[in-house]
Amino acid sequence: MADGHIVKVRGLPWSCTQEEVLEFFSDCSVIDGINGINFTMSKEGRPTGEAFVELESAEDMKKALAKDRKYMGNRYVEVFKSNKTEMDWLLKQHQGSNDVDTSGDGVVRLRGLPFGCSKEEIVQFFSGLRIVPNGITLTMDYQGRST
């Protein structure tokens, strides 16, 4: 099968490890052991509770799908049939902040600014750095208040 034997797992405890997922699927042959288990991460780099598991055969996939709604600890886990295309796309989308491409355009997003913060205060904070003309955007809600 060109697209592989892959299942998507949802509802995992956020603190679970690749070893624990491997133990959950102990009756299945996972390609390359723990390296065949790929967690998705949020943009902040935190676990989303989802993972993709790459399996050896169609028989292993059948066994893995039978684990749908079984419990891992006190959480039930959902198991879905997936494919390499979906896995690669979602893993790329959920790389986490540690994998951000820094060769881009030099944009910095600031969070937690005081509501009354002005562009001048931001320029002062970044004194010594060159900010392009009109290079600061303060977001506003529909009523014109800082967000």
Protein backbone atom coordinates (compact mmCIF):
# COMPACT_ATOMS: atom_id res chain seq x y z
CA MET A 1 0.00 0.00 0.00
CA ALA A 2 1.65 3.23 -1.18
CA ASP A 3 0.07 5.43 1.49
CA GLY A 4 1.11 3.16 4.36
CA HIS A 5 -0.82 1.71 7.26
CA ILE A 6 -1.38 4.70 9.53
CA VAL A 7 -3.88 5.42 12.28
CA LYS A 8 -4.67 8.76 13.86
CA VAL A 9 -5.17 8.62 17.61
CA ARG A 10 -7.15 11.31 19.45
CA GLY A 11 -7.88 11.87 23.13
CA LEU A 12 -4.44 10.93 24.44
CA PRO A 13 -3.44 12.27 27.84
CA TRP A 14 -1.28 15.35 27.19
CA SER A 15 1.45 13.92 29.37
CA CYS A 16 1.64 10.54 27.63
CA THR A 17 4.87 9.36 26.06
CA GLN A 18 5.70 7.44 22.89
CA GLU A 19 6.42 4.42 25.10
CA GLU A 20 2.92 4.57 26.59
CA VAL A 21 1.35 4.76 23.13
CA LEU A 22 3.52 1.82 22.05
CA GLU A 23 2.27 -0.13 25.10
CA PHE A 24 -1.36 0.78 24.25
CA PHE A 25 -0.81 -0.72 20.77
CA SER A 26 1.29 -3.61 22.12
CA ASP A 27 -0.51 -6.21 19.97
CA CYS A 28 0.41 -4.24 16.80
CA SER A 29 3.73 -3.98 15.01
CA VAL A 30 4.66 -0.29 14.93
CA ILE A 31 7.19 0.65 12.24
CA ASP A 32 10.52 1.54 13.88
CA GLY A 33 9.13 1.22 17.43
CA ILE A 34 8.67 4.53 19.23
CA ASN A 35 9.94 6.39 16.16
CA GLY A 36 6.76 5.31 14.36
CA ILE A 37 4.68 7.36 16.80
CA ASN A 38 4.33 11.04 15.89
CA PHE A 39 2.60 13.47 18.26
CA THR A 40 1.04 16.69 16.96
CA MET A 41 1.85 19.88 18.84
CA SER A 42 0.06 23.20 19.14
CA LYS A 43 1.64 26.39 17.83
CA GLU A 44 2.82 26.99 21.40
CA GLY A 45 4.66 23.65 21.34
CA ARG A 46 2.27 21.84 23.69
CA PRO A 47 0.85 18.37 22.97
CA THR A 48 -2.59 18.39 21.33
CA GLY A 49 -3.57 14.92 22.57
CA GLU A 50 -3.31 13.51 19.04
CA ALA A 51 -0.75 11.28 17.38
CA PHE A 52 -0.18 9.26 14.24
CA VAL A 53 1.00 5.67 14.50
CA GLU A 54 2.71 4.01 11.53
CA LEU A 55 1.97 0.28 11.38
CA GLU A 56 3.63 -2.62 9.57
CA SER A 57 0.61 -4.23 7.91
CA ALA A 58 -3.09 -4.13 7.16
CA GLU A 59 -3.58 -6.73 9.90
CA ASP A 60 -1.88 -4.41 12.41
CA MET A 61 -4.14 -1.58 11.27
CA LYS A 62 -7.18 -3.79 11.86
CA LYS A 63 -5.95 -4.53 15.42
CA ALA A 64 -5.25 -0.84 16.04
CA LEU A 65 -8.71 0.22 14.84
CA ALA A 66 -10.19 -2.31 17.28
CA LYS A 67 -8.71 -0.15 20.08
CA ASP A 68 -11.13 2.69 19.22
CA ARG A 69 -12.78 3.99 22.41
CA LYS A 70 -10.62 1.81 24.66
CA TYR A 71 -9.17 3.45 27.76
CA MET A 72 -5.63 4.69 28.31
CA GLY A 73 -5.57 5.50 31.99
CA ASN A 74 -8.85 7.28 32.70
CA ARG A 75 -9.28 8.65 29.16
CA TYR A 76 -10.86 6.85 26.25
CA VAL A 77 -8.89 7.07 23.04
CA GLU A 78 -10.34 7.36 19.55
CA VAL A 79 -8.55 5.58 16.70
CA PHE A 80 -9.17 6.44 13.04
CA LYS A 81 -7.82 5.17 9.76
CA SER A 82 -5.46 7.74 8.24
CA ASN A 83 -2.79 8.01 5.54
CA LYS A 84 0.68 9.42 4.98
CA THR A 85 -0.61 12.52 3.18
CA GLU A 86 -2.83 13.54 6.13
CA MET A 87 -0.11 12.69 8.64
CA ASP A 88 2.57 14.71 6.84
CA TRP A 89 0.25 17.68 6.37
CA LEU A 90 -0.94 17.78 9.99
CA LEU A 91 2.53 17.24 11.42
CA LYS A 92 3.78 20.14 9.32
CA GLN A 93 0.87 22.33 10.52
CA HIS A 94 1.49 21.40 14.18
CA GLN A 95 5.25 21.57 14.37
CA GLY A 96 5.25 23.74 17.47
CA SER A 97 7.13 26.93 18.14
CA ASN A 98 10.51 25.22 18.44
CA ASP A 99 10.46 24.41 14.73
CA VAL A 100 9.47 27.83 13.40
CA ASP A 101 11.34 28.87 10.26
CA THR A 102 13.42 31.89 11.30
CA SER A 103 14.61 32.68 7.80
CA GLY A 104 11.37 34.52 7.03
CA ASP A 105 10.46 38.17 7.02
CA GLY A 106 11.41 39.23 10.55
CA VAL A 107 7.91 39.67 11.97
CA VAL A 108 7.55 39.64 15.76
CA ARG A 109 4.19 39.10 17.43
CA LEU A 110 3.89 40.62 20.89
CA ARG A 111 1.36 39.31 23.40
CA GLY A 112 0.39 40.59 26.81
CA LEU A 113 0.88 44.28 26.02
CA PRO A 114 -0.96 46.77 28.24
CA PHE A 115 -4.21 47.89 26.59
CA GLY A 116 -2.98 51.50 26.44
CA CYS A 117 0.36 50.62 24.82
CA SER A 118 1.33 52.93 21.96
CA LYS A 119 3.46 52.42 18.88
CA GLU A 120 5.97 54.89 20.35
CA GLU A 121 6.38 52.71 23.45
CA ILE A 122 7.01 49.68 21.24
CA VAL A 123 9.64 51.62 19.26
CA GLN A 124 11.27 52.62 22.55
CA PHE A 125 11.22 49.01 23.79
CA PHE A 126 12.99 47.87 20.62
CA SER A 127 15.44 50.79 20.58
CA GLY A 128 18.60 49.87 18.71
CA LEU A 129 16.67 47.78 16.16
CA ARG A 130 15.52 49.04 12.79
CA ILE A 131 11.75 48.98 12.33
CA VAL A 132 10.49 49.47 8.78
CA PRO A 133 8.14 52.42 8.10
CA ASN A 134 4.58 51.50 9.10
CA GLY A 135 6.08 48.33 10.57
CA ILE A 136 4.00 48.25 13.74
CA THR A 137 0.40 47.10 13.69
CA LEU A 138 -1.73 47.21 16.81
CA THR A 139 -4.80 44.99 16.44
CA MET A 140 -8.21 46.36 17.38
CA ASP A 141 -11.57 44.74 18.02
CA TYR A 142 -14.77 45.80 16.26
CA GLN A 143 -15.24 48.68 18.75
CA GLY A 144 -11.73 50.04 18.12
CA ARG A 145 -10.27 48.77 21.41
CA SER A 146 -6.81 47.18 21.58
CA THR A 147 -6.90 43.39 21.59
